[in-house]
Amino acid sequence: MQPSRFRSLQRAPRAQRGVVLVVALIFLLLITILAISASGTSLMQLRLVGGLRSSQMADFGAESAARGAEWRLWTASITTPLACTTTGPSCYKYDPATPNTVVETFRNSPGWVADGATTYSAGTLTTESTDKTFKLTQDPVYMIEDLGVEVPPGLGSQHESGQSAPGTGNTSVDSHIYRITARSTGANDNTVRVLETTFAAKAN
């Protein structure tokens, strides 16, 4: 009877070792699933951060181009006149009766468009910075439109970017309203920002 009892005691550890192996495999599988899920979340967050950075870069590029166009208008009103014609390209004369297809395409296209626009050349935004943190895929561009004479207060309704007719205020007023449309990409061509602003400057 004694030997039989010892044999039954010796079999128990083998059975326990089999259960431990199964439990270990289950835990290993759970850990693997958690690791894969965590890595997927990290990659998604990395893409979101990259998209946000590209969007901010495009915003900065468009803002820089718009400010450059404003400076050009301001200095041109003092020194060399800026020639505004219906065909551009330095400045387009706004005519609601015959919309300019080049201007409308530039203002409304969702993707990258540079036809008929002026390249913002102050600085090298498409060149990597010394710490390699800033580089646009395209040089920012802008387009200037002369919307007409600025109407002084009390002499009629003011027309700006949404006007249906050219400004026709007091002819003694030598200030015009200009519409500036600026475009810029970010770190890739899929990110495009369009910025529009109006700017008053002396007529040329």
Protein backbone atom coordinates (compact mmCIF):
# COMPACT_ATOMS: atom_id res chain seq x y z
CA MET A 1 0.00 0.00 0.00
CA GLN A 2 2.84 2.36 0.81
CA PRO A 3 4.48 2.35 -2.66
CA SER A 4 1.13 3.08 -4.32
CA ARG A 5 0.67 6.24 -2.24
CA PHE A 6 4.13 7.50 -3.22
CA ARG A 7 3.38 6.96 -6.91
CA SER A 8 0.21 9.07 -6.72
CA LEU A 9 2.12 11.87 -5.03
CA GLN A 10 4.74 11.84 -7.80
CA ARG A 11 2.13 12.23 -10.58
CA ALA A 12 0.60 15.46 -9.15
CA PRO A 13 3.50 17.85 -9.98
CA ARG A 14 3.44 16.75 -13.67
CA ALA A 15 -0.26 17.64 -13.94
CA GLN A 16 0.33 21.02 -12.27
CA ARG A 17 3.17 21.82 -14.65
CA GLY A 18 0.81 21.35 -17.61
CA VAL A 19 -1.73 23.80 -16.15
CA VAL A 20 0.99 26.42 -15.54
CA LEU A 21 2.08 26.14 -19.17
CA VAL A 22 -1.46 26.76 -20.45
CA VAL A 23 -1.94 29.74 -18.10
CA ALA A 24 1.42 31.18 -19.17
CA LEU A 25 0.46 30.88 -22.83
CA ILE A 26 -2.87 32.63 -22.19
CA PHE A 27 -1.13 35.50 -20.37
CA LEU A 28 1.45 35.74 -23.17
CA LEU A 29 -1.36 35.98 -25.73
CA LEU A 30 -3.10 38.71 -23.73
CA ILE A 31 0.12 40.69 -23.37
CA THR A 32 0.75 40.39 -27.13
CA ILE A 33 -2.75 41.67 -27.92
CA LEU A 34 -2.28 44.61 -25.54
CA ALA A 35 1.12 45.43 -27.07
CA ILE A 36 -0.31 45.40 -30.61
CA SER A 37 -3.21 47.59 -29.53
CA ALA A 38 -0.87 50.06 -27.80
CA SER A 39 1.42 50.27 -30.84
CA GLY A 40 -1.57 50.90 -33.13
CA THR A 41 -2.76 53.72 -30.86
CA SER A 42 0.74 55.22 -30.81
CA LEU A 43 0.96 55.15 -34.61
CA MET A 44 -2.43 56.84 -34.88
CA GLN A 45 -1.39 59.56 -32.43
CA LEU A 46 1.85 60.04 -34.38
CA ARG A 47 -0.13 60.54 -37.60
CA LEU A 48 -2.46 63.00 -35.87
CA VAL A 49 0.48 65.01 -34.54
CA GLY A 50 2.13 64.97 -37.98
CA GLY A 51 -1.10 66.19 -39.60
CA LEU A 52 -1.44 68.97 -37.02
CA ARG A 53 2.15 70.06 -37.58
CA SER A 54 1.67 70.09 -41.36
CA SER A 55 -1.53 72.12 -40.95
CA GLN A 56 0.23 74.68 -38.75
CA MET A 57 3.09 74.97 -41.24
CA ALA A 58 0.58 75.63 -44.04
CA ASP A 59 -1.12 78.28 -41.88
CA PHE A 60 2.22 79.98 -41.24
CA GLY A 61 3.11 79.88 -44.95
CA ALA A 62 -0.23 81.38 -46.06
CA GLU A 63 -0.03 84.04 -43.35
CA SER A 64 3.50 84.98 -44.42
CA ALA A 65 2.44 85.27 -48.08
CA ALA A 66 -0.56 87.46 -47.16
CA ARG A 67 1.59 89.78 -45.04
CA GLY A 68 4.11 89.95 -47.91
CA ALA A 69 1.36 90.96 -50.33
CA GLU A 70 0.15 93.65 -47.92
CA TRP A 71 3.67 95.02 -47.63
CA ARG A 72 3.95 95.05 -51.41
CA LEU A 73 0.70 97.04 -51.68
CA TRP A 74 1.80 99.46 -48.98
CA THR A 75 5.21 100.15 -50.49
CA ALA A 76 3.80 100.29 -54.06
CA SER A 77 1.35 103.00 -53.04
CA ILE A 78 4.29 105.12 -51.93
CA THR A 79 6.84 104.34 -54.63
CA THR A 80 6.15 102.43 -57.87
CA PRO A 81 2.47 102.00 -58.80
CA LEU A 82 1.13 98.45 -58.90
CA ALA A 83 -0.45 97.84 -62.31
CA CYS A 84 -3.87 96.19 -61.90
CA THR A 85 -5.34 94.76 -65.11
CA THR A 86 -7.99 92.18 -65.98
CA THR A 87 -5.24 89.74 -66.99
CA GLY A 88 -2.85 90.29 -64.06
CA PRO A 89 -0.53 88.81 -63.00
CA SER A 90 0.81 91.45 -60.58
CA CYS A 91 -2.70 92.63 -59.73
CA TYR A 92 -6.12 91.73 -61.13
CA LYS A 93 -8.84 94.30 -61.72
CA TYR A 94 -12.06 93.02 -60.20
CA ASP A 95 -15.02 92.96 -62.60
CA PRO A 96 -18.19 91.22 -61.34
CA ALA A 97 -19.73 91.29 -64.83
CA THR A 98 -17.00 89.03 -66.24
CA PRO A 99 -15.42 86.90 -63.47
CA ASN A 100 -11.82 85.95 -64.14
CA THR A 101 -11.59 82.15 -64.37
CA VAL A 102 -7.93 82.15 -63.29
CA VAL A 103 -8.77 84.11 -60.14
CA GLU A 104 -11.85 82.01 -59.35
CA THR A 105 -9.90 78.78 -59.79
CA PHE A 106 -7.14 80.06 -57.52
CA ARG A 107 -9.61 81.13 -54.84
CA ASN A 108 -11.88 78.07 -54.84
CA SER A 109 -9.86 75.00 -55.82
CA PRO A 110 -9.41 72.49 -52.96
CA GLY A 111 -5.98 71.28 -54.09
CA TRP A 112 -2.76 73.08 -54.84
CA VAL A 113 -3.05 75.82 -57.51
CA ALA A 114 -0.37 78.36 -58.42
CA ASP A 115 -1.38 79.43 -61.96
CA GLY A 116 -1.60 83.19 -62.32
CA ALA A 117 -0.34 83.81 -58.79
CA THR A 118 2.78 85.53 -57.48
CA THR A 119 5.32 83.50 -55.55
CA TYR A 120 6.16 84.79 -52.10
CA SER A 121 9.92 85.01 -52.38
CA ALA A 122 10.89 86.62 -49.08
CA GLY A 123 12.77 83.80 -47.41
CA THR A 124 13.23 80.18 -48.44
CA LEU A 125 10.29 78.37 -46.90
CA THR A 126 10.82 75.28 -49.06
CA THR A 127 14.34 74.87 -47.69
CA GLU A 128 14.91 72.97 -44.48
CA SER A 129 15.74 75.06 -41.45
CA THR A 130 19.04 74.46 -39.67
CA ASP A 131 17.33 72.19 -37.14
CA LYS A 132 15.30 70.49 -39.94
CA THR A 133 11.94 71.37 -38.37
CA PHE A 134 10.46 73.60 -41.08
CA LYS A 135 10.10 72.81 -44.78
CA LEU A 136 7.13 73.40 -47.08
CA THR A 137 6.64 71.29 -50.20
CA GLN A 138 5.71 74.36 -52.28
CA ASP A 139 6.59 78.05 -52.12
CA PRO A 140 3.59 80.06 -50.83
CA VAL A 141 1.78 82.09 -53.49
CA TYR A 142 -0.65 85.00 -53.42
CA MET A 143 -3.02 86.88 -55.69
CA ILE A 144 -4.04 90.54 -55.40
CA GLU A 145 -7.34 91.94 -56.70
CA ASP A 146 -8.33 95.61 -56.88
CA LEU A 147 -11.95 95.69 -55.68
CA GLY A 148 -12.38 99.38 -56.38
CA VAL A 149 -12.47 102.72 -54.58
CA GLU A 150 -12.92 102.66 -50.82
CA VAL A 151 -16.23 104.27 -49.89
CA PRO A 152 -15.92 106.76 -46.99
CA PRO A 153 -18.41 106.49 -44.10
CA GLY A 154 -21.81 107.98 -44.91
CA LEU A 155 -21.36 107.95 -48.70
CA GLY A 156 -22.83 104.53 -49.42
CA SER A 157 -22.52 100.87 -48.63
CA GLN A 158 -19.01 99.50 -48.40
CA HIS A 159 -18.14 96.61 -50.74
CA GLU A 160 -15.32 94.25 -49.92
CA SER A 161 -14.65 90.57 -50.61
CA GLY A 162 -18.32 89.71 -51.24
CA GLN A 163 -19.19 92.76 -53.30
CA SER A 164 -21.48 92.50 -56.32
CA ALA A 165 -20.18 95.66 -58.03
CA PRO A 166 -16.92 97.63 -58.08
CA GLY A 167 -16.57 100.33 -55.46
CA THR A 168 -17.72 103.70 -56.81
CA GLY A 169 -17.39 106.11 -53.90
CA ASN A 170 -16.18 109.67 -53.85
CA THR A 171 -13.69 109.97 -56.71
CA SER A 172 -11.57 112.35 -54.65
CA VAL A 173 -10.74 109.48 -52.33
CA ASP A 174 -7.54 107.87 -53.57
CA SER A 175 -7.73 104.74 -51.46
CA HIS A 176 -8.72 101.35 -52.88
CA ILE A 177 -9.77 98.07 -51.28
CA TYR A 178 -7.62 95.12 -52.33
CA ARG A 179 -8.45 91.48 -51.79
CA ILE A 180 -5.48 89.23 -51.10
CA THR A 181 -5.75 85.45 -51.49
CA ALA A 182 -2.77 83.43 -50.26
CA ARG A 183 -2.11 79.70 -50.60
CA SER A 184 0.42 77.46 -48.93
CA THR A 185 1.13 73.76 -48.48
CA GLY A 186 2.43 72.12 -45.34
CA ALA A 187 4.91 69.30 -44.92
CA ASN A 188 3.10 67.45 -47.75
CA ASP A 189 0.95 68.38 -50.74
CA ASN A 190 -2.18 66.94 -49.10
CA THR A 191 -2.29 69.91 -46.71
CA VAL A 192 -3.33 73.17 -48.39
CA ARG A 193 -4.36 76.37 -46.64
CA VAL A 194 -6.14 79.28 -48.35
CA LEU A 195 -6.22 82.63 -46.58
CA GLU A 196 -8.16 85.69 -47.75
CA THR A 197 -7.94 89.21 -46.40
CA THR A 198 -8.80 92.73 -47.53
CA PHE A 199 -6.37 95.60 -47.38
CA ALA A 200 -6.84 99.33 -47.95
CA ALA A 201 -4.05 101.20 -49.72
CA LYS A 202 -3.65 104.35 -51.74
CA ALA A 203 -4.76 104.06 -55.35
CA ASN A 204 -2.06 103.65 -57.95
